[in-house]
């Protein structure tokens, strides 16, 4: 969607309209979504798996985990999120 046109007869007003549109557009977009993958339960003094990671995040995590820990991580994910 194009920005509003400038009115050469009233540049000050036009400038304010364009600036308002610019700031509206730059602040109304979702930049990310937060999810609690694991939360701490104060009552039980334990951690609890809540929301599974997205497929993209899971692939990134799998690529970053050292080979020696990979199977433990896969087992954890399978047990807590896909059981």
PDB file of N, CA and C in Angstrom:
ATOM      1  N   UNK A   1       0.857  -1.176   0.000  1.00  0.00           N
ATOM      2  CA  UNK A   1       0.000   0.000   0.000  1.00  0.00           C
ATOM      3  C   UNK A   1       0.897   1.231   0.000  1.00  0.00           C
ATOM      4  N   UNK A   2       0.719   2.077  -0.982  1.00  0.00           N
ATOM      5  CA  UNK A   2       1.559   3.275  -1.050  1.00  0.00           C
ATOM      6  C   UNK A   2       1.248   4.256   0.085  1.00  0.00           C
ATOM      7  N   UNK A   3       2.240   5.042   0.389  1.00  0.00           N
ATOM      8  CA  UNK A   3       2.051   6.089   1.394  1.00  0.00           C
ATOM      9  C   UNK A   3       1.159   7.187   0.825  1.00  0.00           C
ATOM     10  N   UNK A   4       0.511   7.978   1.685  1.00  0.00           N
ATOM     11  CA  UNK A   4      -0.319   9.082   1.201  1.00  0.00           C
ATOM     12  C   UNK A   4       0.502  10.063   0.354  1.00  0.00           C
ATOM     13  N   UNK A   5      -0.166  10.640  -0.596  1.00  0.00           N
ATOM     14  CA  UNK A   5       0.481  11.616  -1.472  1.00  0.00           C
ATOM     15  C   UNK A   5       0.712  12.933  -0.727  1.00  0.00           C
ATOM     16  N   UNK A   6       1.766  13.613  -1.107  1.00  0.00           N
ATOM     17  CA  UNK A   6       2.023  14.937  -0.551  1.00  0.00           C
ATOM     18  C   UNK A   6       1.126  15.960  -1.225  1.00  0.00           C
ATOM     19  N   UNK A   7       0.589  16.844  -0.433  1.00  0.00           N
ATOM     20  CA  UNK A   7      -0.208  17.941  -0.951  1.00  0.00           C
ATOM     21  C   UNK A   7       0.704  19.168  -0.989  1.00  0.00           C
ATOM     22  N   UNK A   8       1.079  19.582  -2.183  1.00  0.00           N
ATOM     23  CA  UNK A   8       2.026  20.695  -2.333  1.00  0.00           C
ATOM     24  C   UNK A   8       1.466  22.007  -1.798  1.00  0.00           C
ATOM     25  N   UNK A   9       0.161  22.083  -1.671  1.00  0.00           N
ATOM     26  CA  UNK A   9      -0.450  23.304  -1.154  1.00  0.00           C
ATOM     27  C   UNK A   9      -0.369  23.372   0.373  1.00  0.00           C
ATOM     28  N   UNK A  10      -0.203  22.214   0.981  1.00  0.00           N
ATOM     29  CA  UNK A  10      -0.133  22.180   2.437  1.00  0.00           C
ATOM     30  C   UNK A  10       0.913  21.135   2.848  1.00  0.00           C
ATOM     31  N   UNK A  11       2.170  21.472   2.643  1.00  0.00           N
ATOM     32  CA  UNK A  11       3.257  20.530   2.890  1.00  0.00           C
ATOM     33  C   UNK A  11       3.393  20.139   4.356  1.00  0.00           C
ATOM     34  N   UNK A  12       3.176  21.058   5.252  1.00  0.00           N
ATOM     35  CA  UNK A  12       3.313  20.743   6.674  1.00  0.00           C
ATOM     36  C   UNK A  12       2.295  19.687   7.097  1.00  0.00           C
ATOM     37  N   UNK A  13       1.059  19.873   6.679  1.00  0.00           N
ATOM     38  CA  UNK A  13       0.019  18.902   7.009  1.00  0.00           C
ATOM     39  C   UNK A  13       0.321  17.567   6.334  1.00  0.00           C
ATOM     40  N   UNK A  14       0.705  17.588   5.071  1.00  0.00           N
ATOM     41  CA  UNK A  14       1.027  16.363   4.336  1.00  0.00           C
ATOM     42  C   UNK A  14       2.164  15.603   5.002  1.00  0.00           C
ATOM     43  N   UNK A  15       3.173  16.341   5.426  1.00  0.00           N
ATOM     44  CA  UNK A  15       4.307  15.710   6.077  1.00  0.00           C
ATOM     45  C   UNK A  15       3.855  15.000   7.352  1.00  0.00           C
ATOM     46  N   UNK A  16       2.989  15.613   8.108  1.00  0.00           N
ATOM     47  CA  UNK A  16       2.510  14.989   9.346  1.00  0.00           C
ATOM     48  C   UNK A  16       1.685  13.732   9.044  1.00  0.00           C
ATOM     49  N   UNK A  17       0.903  13.770   7.986  1.00  0.00           N
ATOM     50  CA  UNK A  17       0.102  12.599   7.605  1.00  0.00           C
ATOM     51  C   UNK A  17       1.021  11.435   7.201  1.00  0.00           C
ATOM     52  N   UNK A  18       2.031  11.730   6.411  1.00  0.00           N
ATOM     53  CA  UNK A  18       2.969  10.698   5.963  1.00  0.00           C
ATOM     54  C   UNK A  18       3.762  10.151   7.151  1.00  0.00           C
ATOM     55  N   UNK A  19       4.208  11.016   8.039  1.00  0.00           N
ATOM     56  CA  UNK A  19       4.945  10.561   9.224  1.00  0.00           C
ATOM     57  C   UNK A  19       4.064   9.690  10.116  1.00  0.00           C
ATOM     58  N   UNK A  20       2.825  10.095  10.289  1.00  0.00           N
ATOM     59  CA  UNK A  20       1.903   9.294  11.100  1.00  0.00           C
ATOM     60  C   UNK A  20       1.741   7.910  10.482  1.00  0.00           C
ATOM     61  N   UNK A  21       1.562   7.860   9.198  1.00  0.00           N
ATOM     62  CA  UNK A  21       1.419   6.572   8.507  1.00  0.00           C
ATOM     63  C   UNK A  21       2.679   5.723   8.649  1.00  0.00           C
ATOM     64  N   UNK A  22       3.821   6.348   8.516  1.00  0.00           N
ATOM     65  CA  UNK A  22       5.095   5.647   8.660  1.00  0.00           C
ATOM     66  C   UNK A  22       5.208   5.009  10.048  1.00  0.00           C
ATOM     67  N   UNK A  23       4.967   5.792  11.091  1.00  0.00           N
ATOM     68  CA  UNK A  23       5.104   5.271  12.456  1.00  0.00           C
ATOM     69  C   UNK A  23       4.035   4.232  12.773  1.00  0.00           C
ATOM     70  N   UNK A  24       2.853   4.397  12.214  1.00  0.00           N
ATOM     71  CA  UNK A  24       1.811   3.385  12.394  1.00  0.00           C
ATOM     72  C   UNK A  24       2.257   2.068  11.778  1.00  0.00           C
ATOM     73  N   UNK A  25       2.797   2.134  10.591  1.00  0.00           N
ATOM     74  CA  UNK A  25       3.227   0.912   9.904  1.00  0.00           C
ATOM     75  C   UNK A  25       4.410   0.240  10.596  1.00  0.00           C
ATOM     76  N   UNK A  26       5.310   1.024  11.146  1.00  0.00           N
ATOM     77  CA  UNK A  26       6.491   0.414  11.758  1.00  0.00           C
ATOM     78  C   UNK A  26       6.215  -0.135  13.151  1.00  0.00           C
ATOM     79  N   UNK A  27       5.128   0.245  13.767  1.00  0.00           N
ATOM     80  CA  UNK A  27       4.846  -0.227  15.125  1.00  0.00           C
ATOM     81  C   UNK A  27       3.679  -1.195  15.205  1.00  0.00           C
ATOM     82  N   UNK A  28       2.990  -1.453  14.111  1.00  0.00           N
ATOM     83  CA  UNK A  28       1.814  -2.321  14.195  1.00  0.00           C
ATOM     84  C   UNK A  28       2.087  -3.759  13.788  1.00  0.00           C
ATOM     85  N   UNK A  29       3.313  -4.081  13.475  1.00  0.00           N
ATOM     86  CA  UNK A  29       3.620  -5.408  12.998  1.00  0.00           C
ATOM     87  C   UNK A  29       4.105  -6.315  14.129  1.00  0.00           C
ATOM     88  N   UNK A  30       3.682  -7.563  14.069  1.00  0.00           N
ATOM     89  CA  UNK A  30       4.212  -8.544  15.005  1.00  0.00           C
ATOM     90  C   UNK A  30       5.619  -8.890  14.541  1.00  0.00           C
ATOM     91  N   UNK A  31       6.550  -8.784  15.432  1.00  0.00           N
ATOM     92  CA  UNK A  31       7.916  -9.111  15.051  1.00  0.00           C
ATOM     93  C   UNK A  31       8.291 -10.517  15.477  1.00  0.00           C
ATOM     94  N   UNK A  32       7.625 -11.031  16.492  1.00  0.00           N
ATOM     95  CA  UNK A  32       7.886 -12.397  16.938  1.00  0.00           C
ATOM     96  C   UNK A  32       6.770 -12.848  17.860  1.00  0.00           C
ATOM     97  N   UNK A  33       6.741 -14.126  18.106  1.00  0.00           N
ATOM     98  CA  UNK A  33       5.784 -14.708  19.034  1.00  0.00           C
ATOM     99  C   UNK A  33       6.582 -15.385  20.130  1.00  0.00           C
ATOM    100  N   UNK A  34       6.203 -15.158  21.366  1.00  0.00           N
ATOM    101  CA  UNK A  34       6.904 -15.814  22.468  1.00  0.00           C
ATOM    102  C   UNK A  34       6.142 -17.060  22.898  1.00  0.00           C
ATOM    103  N   UNK A  35       6.888 -18.069  23.256  1.00  0.00           N
ATOM    104  CA  UNK A  35       6.319 -19.310  23.765  1.00  0.00           C
ATOM    105  C   UNK A  35       7.168 -19.750  24.949  1.00  0.00           C
ATOM    106  N   UNK A  36       6.529 -20.277  25.960  1.00  0.00           N
ATOM    107  CA  UNK A  36       7.249 -20.853  27.087  1.00  0.00           C
ATOM    108  C   UNK A  36       7.535 -22.315  26.770  1.00  0.00           C
ATOM    109  N   UNK A  37       8.771 -22.623  26.456  1.00  0.00           N
ATOM    110  CA  UNK A  37       9.126 -24.003  26.169  1.00  0.00           C
ATOM    111  C   UNK A  37       9.196 -24.805  27.456  1.00  0.00           C
ATOM    112  N   UNK A  38       9.828 -24.215  28.462  1.00  0.00           N
ATOM    113  CA  UNK A  38       9.974 -24.848  29.764  1.00  0.00           C
ATOM    114  C   UNK A  38       9.738 -23.770  30.820  1.00  0.00           C
ATOM    115  N   UNK A  39       8.985 -24.105  31.844  1.00  0.00           N
ATOM    116  CA  UNK A  39       8.729 -23.157  32.932  1.00  0.00           C
ATOM    117  C   UNK A  39       9.111 -23.796  34.266  1.00  0.00           C
ATOM    118  N   UNK A  40       9.440 -22.936  35.199  1.00  0.00           N
ATOM    119  CA  UNK A  40       9.800 -23.387  36.540  1.00  0.00           C
ATOM    120  C   UNK A  40       8.582 -23.313  37.438  1.00  0.00           C
ATOM    121  N   UNK A  41       8.289 -24.405  38.137  1.00  0.00           N
ATOM    122  CA  UNK A  41       7.164 -24.464  39.062  1.00  0.00           C
ATOM    123  C   UNK A  41       7.704 -24.287  40.482  1.00  0.00           C
ATOM    124  N   UNK A  42       7.413 -23.137  41.076  1.00  0.00           N
ATOM    125  CA  UNK A  42       7.919 -22.834  42.418  1.00  0.00           C
ATOM    126  C   UNK A  42       7.370 -23.793  43.467  1.00  0.00           C
ATOM    127  N   UNK A  43       6.129 -24.215  43.303  1.00  0.00           N
ATOM    128  CA  UNK A  43       5.500 -25.091  44.299  1.00  0.00           C
ATOM    129  C   UNK A  43       6.199 -26.448  44.385  1.00  0.00           C
ATOM    130  N   UNK A  44       6.563 -26.988  43.242  1.00  0.00           N
ATOM    131  CA  UNK A  44       7.185 -28.318  43.241  1.00  0.00           C
ATOM    132  C   UNK A  44       8.696 -28.251  43.088  1.00  0.00           C
ATOM    133  N   UNK A  45       9.228 -27.048  42.876  1.00  0.00           N
ATOM    134  CA  UNK A  45      10.671 -26.859  42.692  1.00  0.00           C
ATOM    135  C   UNK A  45      11.206 -27.691  41.526  1.00  0.00           C
ATOM    136  N   UNK A  46      10.409 -27.711  40.446  1.00  0.00           N
ATOM    137  CA  UNK A  46      10.789 -28.480  39.256  1.00  0.00           C
ATOM    138  C   UNK A  46      10.527 -27.656  37.997  1.00  0.00           C
ATOM    139  N   UNK A  47      11.083 -28.115  36.904  1.00  0.00           N
ATOM    140  CA  UNK A  47      10.821 -27.515  35.597  1.00  0.00           C
ATOM    141  C   UNK A  47       9.810 -28.378  34.862  1.00  0.00           C
ATOM    142  N   UNK A  48       8.991 -27.721  34.035  1.00  0.00           N
ATOM    143  CA  UNK A  48       7.944 -28.424  33.312  1.00  0.00           C
ATOM    144  C   UNK A  48       7.960 -27.990  31.848  1.00  0.00           C
ATOM    145  N   UNK A  49       7.931 -28.962  30.947  1.00  0.00           N
ATOM    146  CA  UNK A  49       7.849 -28.663  29.516  1.00  0.00           C
ATOM    147  C   UNK A  49       6.428 -28.218  29.214  1.00  0.00           C
ATOM    148  N   UNK A  50       6.290 -27.086  28.516  1.00  0.00           N
ATOM    149  CA  UNK A  50       4.963 -26.537  28.261  1.00  0.00           C
ATOM    150  C   UNK A  50       4.631 -26.552  26.771  1.00  0.00           C
ATOM    151  N   UNK A  51       5.238 -25.666  26.006  1.00  0.00           N
ATOM    152  CA  UNK A  51       4.968 -25.567  24.571  1.00  0.00           C
ATOM    153  C   UNK A  51       6.138 -26.147  23.788  1.00  0.00           C
ATOM    154  N   UNK A  52       5.861 -26.950  22.772  1.00  0.00           N
ATOM    155  CA  UNK A  52       6.968 -27.476  21.971  1.00  0.00           C
ATOM    156  C   UNK A  52       7.591 -26.373  21.119  1.00  0.00           C
ATOM    157  N   UNK A  53       8.870 -26.495  20.825  1.00  0.00           N
ATOM    158  CA  UNK A  53       9.497 -25.509  19.941  1.00  0.00           C
ATOM    159  C   UNK A  53       8.942 -25.649  18.523  1.00  0.00           C
ATOM    160  N   UNK A  54       9.004 -24.577  17.770  1.00  0.00           N
ATOM    161  CA  UNK A  54       8.574 -24.638  16.374  1.00  0.00           C
ATOM    162  C   UNK A  54       9.520 -25.566  15.611  1.00  0.00           C
ATOM    163  N   UNK A  55       9.085 -26.002  14.466  1.00  0.00           N
ATOM    164  CA  UNK A  55       9.926 -26.890  13.654  1.00  0.00           C
ATOM    165  C   UNK A  55      11.245 -26.197  13.290  1.00  0.00           C
ATOM    166  N   UNK A  56      11.160 -24.927  12.961  1.00  0.00           N
ATOM    167  CA  UNK A  56      12.364 -24.167  12.609  1.00  0.00           C
ATOM    168  C   UNK A  56      13.337 -24.082  13.785  1.00  0.00           C
ATOM    169  N   UNK A  57      12.813 -23.758  14.971  1.00  0.00           N
ATOM    170  CA  UNK A  57      13.666 -23.672  16.150  1.00  0.00           C
ATOM    171  C   UNK A  57      14.237 -25.040  16.505  1.00  0.00           C
ATOM    172  N   UNK A  58      13.424 -26.073  16.408  1.00  0.00           N
ATOM    173  CA  UNK A  58      13.887 -27.414  16.730  1.00  0.00           C
ATOM    174  C   UNK A  58      15.041 -27.825  15.808  1.00  0.00           C
ATOM    175  N   UNK A  59      14.919 -27.552  14.531  1.00  0.00           N
ATOM    176  CA  UNK A  59      16.000 -27.872  13.596  1.00  0.00           C
ATOM    177  C   UNK A  59      17.268 -27.092  13.933  1.00  0.00           C
ATOM    178  N   UNK A  60      17.105 -25.833  14.293  1.00  0.00           N
ATOM    179  CA  UNK A  60      18.257 -25.014  14.683  1.00  0.00           C
ATOM    180  C   UNK A  60      18.918 -25.589  15.940  1.00  0.00           C
ATOM    181  N   UNK A  61      18.111 -25.960  16.921  1.00  0.00           N
ATOM    182  CA  UNK A  61      18.641 -26.535  18.150  1.00  0.00           C
ATOM    183  C   UNK A  61      19.386 -27.840  17.872  1.00  0.00           C
ATOM    184  N   UNK A  62      18.804 -28.671  17.016  1.00  0.00           N
ATOM    185  CA  UNK A  62      19.439 -29.953  16.681  1.00  0.00           C
ATOM    186  C   UNK A  62      20.791 -29.744  16.014  1.00  0.00           C
ATOM    187  N   UNK A  63      20.904 -28.690  15.243  1.00  0.00           N
ATOM    188  CA  UNK A  63      22.171 -28.399  14.564  1.00  0.00           C
ATOM    189  C   UNK A  63      23.221 -27.813  15.499  1.00  0.00           C
ATOM    190  N   UNK A  64      22.802 -27.296  16.643  1.00  0.00           N
ATOM    191  CA  UNK A  64      23.732 -26.646  17.570  1.00  0.00           C
ATOM    192  C   UNK A  64      24.190 -27.543  18.719  1.00  0.00           C
ATOM    193  N   UNK A  65      23.464 -28.599  18.959  1.00  0.00           N
ATOM    194  CA  UNK A  65      23.776 -29.463  20.098  1.00  0.00           C
ATOM    195  C   UNK A  65      24.940 -30.389  19.736  1.00  0.00           C
ATOM    196  N   UNK A  66      25.914 -30.522  20.632  1.00  0.00           N
ATOM    197  CA  UNK A  66      27.044 -31.424  20.374  1.00  0.00           C
ATOM    198  C   UNK A  66      26.561 -32.863  20.165  1.00  0.00           C
ATOM    199  N   UNK A  67      27.240 -33.577  19.324  1.00  0.00           N
ATOM    200  CA  UNK A  67      26.872 -34.957  18.963  1.00  0.00           C
ATOM    201  C   UNK A  67      26.676 -35.835  20.204  1.00  0.00           C
ATOM    202  N   UNK A  68      27.517 -35.644  21.218  1.00  0.00           N
ATOM    203  CA  UNK A  68      27.438 -36.469  22.425  1.00  0.00           C
ATOM    204  C   UNK A  68      26.128 -36.262  23.185  1.00  0.00           C
ATOM    205  N   UNK A  69      25.495 -35.092  23.034  1.00  0.00           N
ATOM    206  CA  UNK A  69      24.258 -34.780  23.753  1.00  0.00           C
ATOM    207  C   UNK A  69      23.012 -34.920  22.895  1.00  0.00           C
ATOM    208  N   UNK A  70      23.190 -35.176  21.621  1.00  0.00           N
ATOM    209  CA  UNK A  70      22.080 -35.156  20.670  1.00  0.00           C
ATOM    210  C   UNK A  70      20.994 -36.179  20.995  1.00  0.00           C
ATOM    211  N   UNK A  71      21.374 -37.405  21.299  1.00  0.00           N
ATOM    212  CA  UNK A  71      20.359 -38.427  21.563  1.00  0.00           C
ATOM    213  C   UNK A  71      19.572 -38.105  22.827  1.00  0.00           C
ATOM    214  N   UNK A  72      20.246 -37.598  23.861  1.00  0.00           N
ATOM    215  CA  UNK A  72      19.536 -37.210  25.088  1.00  0.00           C
ATOM    216  C   UNK A  72      18.511 -36.117  24.790  1.00  0.00           C
ATOM    217  N   UNK A  73      18.911 -35.153  23.957  1.00  0.00           N
ATOM    218  CA  UNK A  73      18.002 -34.064  23.603  1.00  0.00           C
ATOM    219  C   UNK A  73      16.813 -34.599  22.818  1.00  0.00           C
ATOM    220  N   UNK A  74      17.051 -35.460  21.851  1.00  0.00           N
ATOM    221  CA  UNK A  74      15.958 -36.039  21.056  1.00  0.00           C
ATOM    222  C   UNK A  74      14.998 -36.817  21.948  1.00  0.00           C
ATOM    223  N   UNK A  75      15.540 -37.578  22.883  1.00  0.00           N
ATOM    224  CA  UNK A  75      14.693 -38.334  23.810  1.00  0.00           C
ATOM    225  C   UNK A  75      13.858 -37.387  24.669  1.00  0.00           C
ATOM    226  N   UNK A  76      14.477 -36.314  25.138  1.00  0.00           N
ATOM    227  CA  UNK A  76      13.767 -35.317  25.948  1.00  0.00           C
ATOM    228  C   UNK A  76      12.605 -34.709  25.160  1.00  0.00           C
ATOM    229  N   UNK A  77      12.870 -34.287  23.948  1.00  0.00           N
ATOM    230  CA  UNK A  77      11.841 -33.666  23.097  1.00  0.00           C
ATOM    231  C   UNK A  77      10.717 -34.651  22.836  1.00  0.00           C
ATOM    232  N   UNK A  78      11.073 -35.864  22.478  1.00  0.00           N
ATOM    233  CA  UNK A  78      10.057 -36.873  22.177  1.00  0.00           C
ATOM    234  C   UNK A  78       9.198 -37.164  23.406  1.00  0.00           C
ATOM    235  N   UNK A  79       9.827 -37.330  24.550  1.00  0.00           N
ATOM    236  CA  UNK A  79       9.089 -37.662  25.774  1.00  0.00           C
ATOM    237  C   UNK A  79       8.180 -36.523  26.232  1.00  0.00           C
ATOM    238  N   UNK A  80       8.700 -35.304  26.243  1.00  0.00           N
ATOM    239  CA  UNK A  80       7.945 -34.192  26.816  1.00  0.00           C
ATOM    240  C   UNK A  80       6.958 -33.520  25.862  1.00  0.00           C
ATOM    241  N   UNK A  81       7.216 -33.577  24.573  1.00  0.00           N
ATOM    242  CA  UNK A  81       6.354 -32.842  23.651  1.00  0.00           C
ATOM    243  C   UNK A  81       5.566 -33.733  22.691  1.00  0.00           C
ATOM    244  N   UNK A  82       6.071 -34.899  22.399  1.00  0.00           N
ATOM    245  CA  UNK A  82       5.422 -35.716  21.367  1.00  0.00           C
ATOM    246  C   UNK A  82       5.084 -37.110  21.886  1.00  0.00           C
ATOM    247  N   UNK A  83       4.811 -37.198  23.161  1.00  0.00           N
ATOM    248  CA  UNK A  83       4.495 -38.468  23.787  1.00  0.00           C
ATOM    249  C   UNK A  83       3.006 -38.716  23.777  1.00  0.00           C
TER     250      UNK A  83
END
